[in-house]
Amino acid sequence: VAEGGLTVAAIHGIRIYAAAPRREGIVRSLEGAGAVSASAEDAERARIHAFRPRFGVDFTEATLPQETQQMQALHFQKGCYLGQEIVERVRSRGHINKQLVAMEFEGHIAPEPGADVLADMKATGEVTSAAYSPRLGKVRALGYVRVPNDQSGTVIEAEHIAGRVV
């Protein structure tokens, strides 16, 4: 919705885009109507819970797009781009070695980014983002695991915390 220089986007919550000088007035109006502003921690928790990977955190320029499960970001009919040959080779062969997945860990202590993920007592990947989810009563995380450990229900652990791929 765009109205009077104000744009509102709703995807698992609401994000409002407006000119910076209007920010305080908009926030006051919304809070007066009962809205509660999200903290940076709340936003990070919602991002992880909704499986929204962040560039520089959950993937980098060295990550293959197919590994991120973000194929909607690619357009195979457009012109040339950097890395096109590798992306097309993976698409045509249909094979990647690791994949970004959502994971859940028991308890309220989140494994640190970079923590090794184990399956069957063997290293299979690493955590990239993690946060406690009050909604789930456990930790939700994003991270990479090797194929075939990327299947939902795979039992894993990180930093001696039991979990599973979801």
Foldseek 3Di string as FASTA:
>chain_A
DDDPQKDWDDDPHIDIDHPVVCVVVVVVVVVVVPDDDDDPQRVQQSCLVVLPDDEPQAHYPPDQPVQEVVCVVDDPPDDDDPPVVVNVVCVVVVDDFKHKFKKWWAAFDWADFQWFKDAPNHTFWTWRDKGGDPVVRTMITIIMGTPPQQDFAGWIDTPNITMTTD
